[in-house]
Amino acid sequence: MRRSFYHYLMTLRGPNRNDPEMNFANQASHDIQFPKQSEDYEEISSYLELSVDYLPTMDLFDRTWEKYIENNQL
């Protein structure tokens, strides 16, 4: 069963504030508008670019997305 990007991102949460992916996951967990059911790169990318200020660079999203795709293959 495929899972959403948000679901994958929530597996990365933790206490290390120096880890960019962990910090991204922690911040997204508090974002009530995040597209939680989406598996669509364009939808999530657009949301992050236009609606949030907690993501320092889109490169971080792209790297995390690649890991999500690798992890989510059937």
Protein backbone atom coordinates (compact mmCIF):
# COMPACT_ATOMS: atom_id res chain seq x y z
CA MET A 1 0.00 0.00 0.00
CA ARG A 2 1.34 3.39 -0.99
CA ARG A 3 1.43 6.06 1.65
CA SER A 4 1.25 9.80 1.31
CA PHE A 5 4.31 12.01 1.42
CA TYR A 6 3.06 13.47 4.70
CA HIS A 7 2.83 10.01 6.25
CA TYR A 8 6.41 9.30 5.18
CA LEU A 9 7.54 12.70 6.46
CA MET A 10 6.04 11.97 9.87
CA THR A 11 8.38 8.97 10.21
CA LEU A 12 11.30 11.44 10.12
CA ARG A 13 10.25 13.47 13.17
CA GLY A 14 12.53 13.64 16.16
CA PRO A 15 14.38 15.83 18.65
CA ASN A 16 17.48 16.74 16.57
CA ARG A 17 17.01 20.36 15.53
CA ASN A 18 20.28 20.26 13.57
CA ASP A 19 18.92 17.67 11.12
CA PRO A 20 17.20 19.56 8.27
CA GLU A 21 14.86 16.70 7.32
CA MET A 22 13.87 16.12 10.92
CA ASN A 23 13.21 19.83 11.39
CA PHE A 24 11.13 19.88 8.17
CA ALA A 25 9.09 16.92 9.46
CA ASN A 26 8.61 18.49 12.88
CA GLN A 27 7.42 21.77 11.36
CA ALA A 28 5.10 20.03 8.86
CA SER A 29 3.51 18.07 11.71
CA HIS A 30 2.19 21.38 13.09
CA ASP A 31 0.95 22.61 9.68
CA ILE A 32 -2.80 21.98 9.63
CA GLN A 33 -3.05 23.00 5.95
CA PHE A 34 -0.41 20.55 4.68
CA PRO A 35 -1.85 18.31 1.91
CA LYS A 36 -1.75 15.23 4.10
CA GLN A 37 -3.24 12.72 1.64
CA SER A 38 -1.25 13.79 -1.40
CA GLU A 39 1.25 11.65 -3.28
CA ASP A 40 1.61 14.31 -6.00
CA TYR A 41 4.93 16.12 -6.30
CA GLU A 42 3.48 19.18 -8.04
CA GLU A 43 0.69 19.65 -5.50
CA ILE A 44 3.02 19.41 -2.51
CA SER A 45 5.78 21.46 -4.13
CA SER A 46 3.37 24.27 -5.01
CA TYR A 47 1.93 24.25 -1.51
CA LEU A 48 5.38 24.49 0.07
CA GLU A 49 6.56 27.23 -2.29
CA LEU A 50 3.48 29.40 -1.86
CA SER A 51 2.22 28.73 1.64
CA VAL A 52 4.96 27.99 4.16
CA ASP A 53 7.92 29.76 5.69
CA TYR A 54 9.41 26.85 7.62
CA LEU A 55 11.16 25.21 4.66
CA PRO A 56 14.57 26.85 4.21
CA THR A 57 15.04 25.66 0.59
CA MET A 58 13.13 23.64 -1.95
CA ASP A 59 16.27 21.50 -2.31
CA LEU A 60 15.43 20.03 1.07
CA PHE A 61 11.98 19.08 -0.17
CA ASP A 62 13.45 17.59 -3.36
CA ARG A 63 15.95 15.44 -1.42
CA THR A 64 13.23 14.29 0.97
CA TRP A 65 10.89 13.58 -1.96
CA GLU A 66 13.54 11.35 -3.60
CA LYS A 67 13.88 9.34 -0.39
CA TYR A 68 10.08 9.11 -0.21
CA ILE A 69 9.93 7.72 -3.76
CA GLU A 70 12.67 5.17 -3.02
CA ASN A 71 10.95 4.16 0.21
CA ASN A 72 7.47 4.02 -1.32
CA GLN A 73 8.19 1.80 -4.32
CA LEU A 74 6.07 -1.31 -4.54
